[in-house]
Amino acid sequence: MPSDQILLVAVCAEEVFFNHHIPGSVLIRPAELVSGIKPATGKLPNAKHLSTIFSRIGLSKEKHVVAYDDEGGGWAGRLIWTLDVLGHHNHSFLNGGLVAWINEAHPISSGIAEQEPSDYVAQIDRSVVVDLGDVLSQIGDSDSIVWDARALEEYTGTKVTALKNGHIPGAVNLDWLELIDHDSNLRLKPLDILKRELESLGIDNNKKIITHCQTHHRSGLSYLVGKILGLDIKAYDGSWSEWGNHPDTPVER
């Protein structure tokens, strides 16, 4: 693939990007991928906002986006989910991201890179997005399963993160951090291991899968892993910040 057709995108804090990034990368700040509107701050921004962000980094239909971050894949996965929402499926995930790149002594750039802007017009396809009503309607459906990617104490409700705490009835829990090999520069664990672990929880290609966390940041990685494994997976971007603060949602503990 010609290098001018590759768009390297780092999703990280501006300070991190300024100090070290992969040469040729452009920056998307994590806050630019979410609406920021309380209580469900992680919901998808509107098309106008997304058009502005992706025009700034020079996205076009011909570009192959390589997404990475500095944390193991949460924000990179959120970017890939956003691209899927926009119908831009021409993308890859840099396994290990910036941590592996630096630790394995690859070239590094610093400063804020300029990118030739484009005139990108975002068109939202909600086929990989579910809302609160969709999640409610699947409760008790044996063909569907909710993958809660939060920490165990959030899932059990012992950690308070909303007005109501616990989990969506019937949801299973696999912490997003369990997807990462912390002894391999934050690369994903081998896919056969991830597949077996998910299958042990009932997450397989016979189910329609909905994933979430608190704000659909951590579940960016669970969405990405599901896609890599060929699962039928969508994301609930309202996540627990919406579910746990809504007066009419059922909660299990």
Foldseek 3Di string as FASTA:
>chain_A
DDPVQEAEEEADDPVVQQAWDDPRYAYDYLQLQFCCDPDQGQHGHDQVSVQVVQQQSADDLSHQYEYAYQPQFLSSLSVCQVCVQQVNNRYHYDFLGPQLCVVVPHDIDHHHDGHNGHRDGGDGDCLQEDEPVVLVVCAVPPQAEEEEQDDPCQQCFVDDDEQAGHHAPRHDYDHLQNQFDPVNNSGGDPLVVVQVVCVVVVFDQSHQYEYAYCQSRSCSSVQVSCVVRVHNYHYHRSHCSNQRHDPPGDHDD
